[in-house]
């Protein structure tokens, strides 16, 4: 079971990175700035990937 969960979700850093990207999208949508997602989401994804690449 542990191997299945590791395959589905990765480790805690991966889950945190995905949660941060989703939080950016949710915040933009909630505040009515969804059009800015075109700019913010690629930047958020690159920041998350850069953070994951350090480990």
N, C-alpha and C. Protein backbone atom coordinates (compact mmCIF):
# COMPACT_ATOMS: atom_id res chain seq x y z
N UNK A 1 0.81 -1.18 0.00
CA UNK A 1 0.00 0.00 0.00
C UNK A 1 0.86 1.25 0.00
N UNK A 2 1.96 1.22 0.72
CA UNK A 2 2.85 2.37 0.78
C UNK A 2 3.42 2.69 -0.61
N UNK A 3 3.76 1.67 -1.36
CA UNK A 3 4.28 1.89 -2.71
C UNK A 3 3.23 2.52 -3.62
N UNK A 4 1.98 2.12 -3.47
CA UNK A 4 0.91 2.71 -4.27
C UNK A 4 0.74 4.18 -3.94
N UNK A 5 0.72 4.52 -2.66
CA UNK A 5 0.59 5.91 -2.27
C UNK A 5 1.78 6.74 -2.73
N UNK A 6 2.96 6.17 -2.66
CA UNK A 6 4.16 6.88 -3.13
C UNK A 6 4.07 7.14 -4.64
N UNK A 7 3.54 6.19 -5.39
CA UNK A 7 3.39 6.35 -6.84
C UNK A 7 2.34 7.40 -7.16
N UNK A 8 1.24 7.41 -6.43
CA UNK A 8 0.16 8.34 -6.71
C UNK A 8 0.49 9.77 -6.30
N UNK A 9 1.11 9.94 -5.16
CA UNK A 9 1.29 11.27 -4.60
C UNK A 9 2.74 11.73 -4.53
N UNK A 10 3.69 10.86 -4.67
CA UNK A 10 5.08 11.25 -4.51
C UNK A 10 5.40 11.45 -3.04
N UNK A 11 6.33 12.32 -2.76
CA UNK A 11 6.68 12.57 -1.37
C UNK A 11 6.04 13.88 -0.91
N UNK A 12 6.33 14.29 0.28
CA UNK A 12 5.70 15.48 0.87
C UNK A 12 6.07 16.74 0.10
N UNK A 13 7.28 16.80 -0.43
CA UNK A 13 7.69 18.00 -1.20
C UNK A 13 6.86 18.13 -2.48
N UNK A 14 6.59 17.02 -3.17
CA UNK A 14 5.77 17.08 -4.37
C UNK A 14 4.35 17.53 -4.05
N UNK A 15 3.79 16.99 -3.00
CA UNK A 15 2.44 17.37 -2.60
C UNK A 15 2.40 18.84 -2.22
N UNK A 16 3.42 19.32 -1.53
CA UNK A 16 3.47 20.73 -1.15
C UNK A 16 3.59 21.64 -2.37
N UNK A 17 4.38 21.23 -3.34
CA UNK A 17 4.54 22.04 -4.55
C UNK A 17 3.24 22.12 -5.33
N UNK A 18 2.55 21.01 -5.47
CA UNK A 18 1.27 21.01 -6.18
C UNK A 18 0.24 21.82 -5.40
N UNK A 19 0.24 21.70 -4.09
CA UNK A 19 -0.70 22.46 -3.27
C UNK A 19 -0.45 23.97 -3.40
N UNK A 20 0.80 24.37 -3.49
CA UNK A 20 1.11 25.79 -3.65
C UNK A 20 0.63 26.31 -5.00
N UNK A 21 0.82 25.54 -6.05
CA UNK A 21 0.36 25.96 -7.37
C UNK A 21 -1.16 26.05 -7.41
N UNK A 22 -1.82 25.08 -6.81
CA UNK A 22 -3.29 25.10 -6.76
C UNK A 22 -3.77 26.27 -5.91
N UNK A 23 -3.05 26.60 -4.84
CA UNK A 23 -3.42 27.72 -3.99
C UNK A 23 -3.33 29.05 -4.75
N UNK A 24 -2.31 29.19 -5.59
CA UNK A 24 -2.20 30.39 -6.42
C UNK A 24 -3.39 30.50 -7.36
N UNK A 25 -3.74 29.42 -8.00
CA UNK A 25 -4.89 29.42 -8.91
C UNK A 25 -6.18 29.73 -8.16
N UNK A 26 -6.36 29.15 -7.00
CA UNK A 26 -7.57 29.39 -6.21
C UNK A 26 -7.64 30.84 -5.73
N UNK A 27 -6.51 31.38 -5.32
CA UNK A 27 -6.50 32.77 -4.86
C UNK A 27 -6.82 33.73 -6.00
N UNK A 28 -6.27 33.47 -7.17
CA UNK A 28 -6.56 34.33 -8.32
C UNK A 28 -8.03 34.25 -8.71
N UNK A 29 -8.59 33.07 -8.67
CA UNK A 29 -10.00 32.90 -9.03
C UNK A 29 -10.90 33.54 -7.98
N UNK A 30 -10.58 33.33 -6.72
CA UNK A 30 -11.42 33.86 -5.63
C UNK A 30 -11.45 35.38 -5.62
N UNK A 31 -10.33 36.01 -5.95
CA UNK A 31 -10.25 37.47 -5.91
C UNK A 31 -10.71 38.11 -7.21
N UNK A 32 -11.11 37.31 -8.18
CA UNK A 32 -11.61 37.86 -9.43
C UNK A 32 -10.52 38.24 -10.42
N UNK A 33 -9.33 37.73 -10.23
CA UNK A 33 -8.22 38.03 -11.12
C UNK A 33 -7.80 36.80 -11.93
N UNK A 34 -8.77 36.03 -12.36
CA UNK A 34 -8.46 34.79 -13.08
C UNK A 34 -7.73 35.06 -14.39
N UNK A 35 -7.91 36.22 -14.99
CA UNK A 35 -7.20 36.54 -16.23
C UNK A 35 -5.69 36.63 -16.00
N UNK A 36 -5.28 36.95 -14.79
CA UNK A 36 -3.85 37.02 -14.48
C UNK A 36 -3.21 35.65 -14.34
N UNK A 37 -4.02 34.60 -14.38
CA UNK A 37 -3.48 33.25 -14.29
C UNK A 37 -2.55 32.95 -15.47
N UNK A 38 -2.77 33.61 -16.58
CA UNK A 38 -1.90 33.43 -17.76
C UNK A 38 -0.46 33.80 -17.42
N UNK A 39 -0.29 34.76 -16.54
CA UNK A 39 1.05 35.21 -16.15
C UNK A 39 1.53 34.48 -14.89
N UNK A 40 0.63 34.35 -13.92
CA UNK A 40 1.03 33.84 -12.61
C UNK A 40 1.25 32.34 -12.57
N UNK A 41 0.46 31.58 -13.30
CA UNK A 41 0.57 30.12 -13.21
C UNK A 41 1.89 29.58 -13.77
N UNK A 42 2.34 30.05 -14.93
CA UNK A 42 3.67 29.56 -15.36
C UNK A 42 4.78 29.93 -14.38
N UNK A 43 4.69 31.12 -13.80
CA UNK A 43 5.70 31.53 -12.82
C UNK A 43 5.62 30.66 -11.57
N UNK A 44 4.41 30.35 -11.12
CA UNK A 44 4.25 29.50 -9.95
C UNK A 44 4.76 28.08 -10.23
N UNK A 45 4.49 27.58 -11.41
CA UNK A 45 4.96 26.23 -11.77
C UNK A 45 6.48 26.18 -11.86
N UNK A 46 7.08 27.20 -12.46
CA UNK A 46 8.54 27.24 -12.54
C UNK A 46 9.17 27.36 -11.16
N UNK A 47 8.55 28.14 -10.28
CA UNK A 47 9.07 28.26 -8.92
C UNK A 47 8.98 26.93 -8.19
N UNK A 48 7.87 26.23 -8.37
CA UNK A 48 7.71 24.92 -7.71
C UNK A 48 8.71 23.91 -8.25
N UNK A 49 8.90 23.89 -9.54
CA UNK A 49 9.87 22.95 -10.13
C UNK A 49 11.28 23.30 -9.68
N UNK A 50 11.60 24.57 -9.63
CA UNK A 50 12.92 24.99 -9.13
C UNK A 50 13.14 24.58 -7.69
N UNK A 51 12.09 24.69 -6.88
CA UNK A 51 12.19 24.28 -5.48
C UNK A 51 12.38 22.78 -5.38
N UNK A 52 11.67 22.03 -6.22
CA UNK A 52 11.81 20.56 -6.19
C UNK A 52 13.17 20.12 -6.74
N UNK A 53 13.74 20.86 -7.66
CA UNK A 53 15.02 20.47 -8.26
C UNK A 53 16.18 20.59 -7.29
N UNK A 54 16.01 21.40 -6.26
CA UNK A 54 17.11 21.57 -5.30
C UNK A 54 17.38 20.35 -4.45
N UNK A 55 16.37 19.51 -4.28
CA UNK A 55 16.57 18.36 -3.39
C UNK A 55 17.19 17.18 -4.10
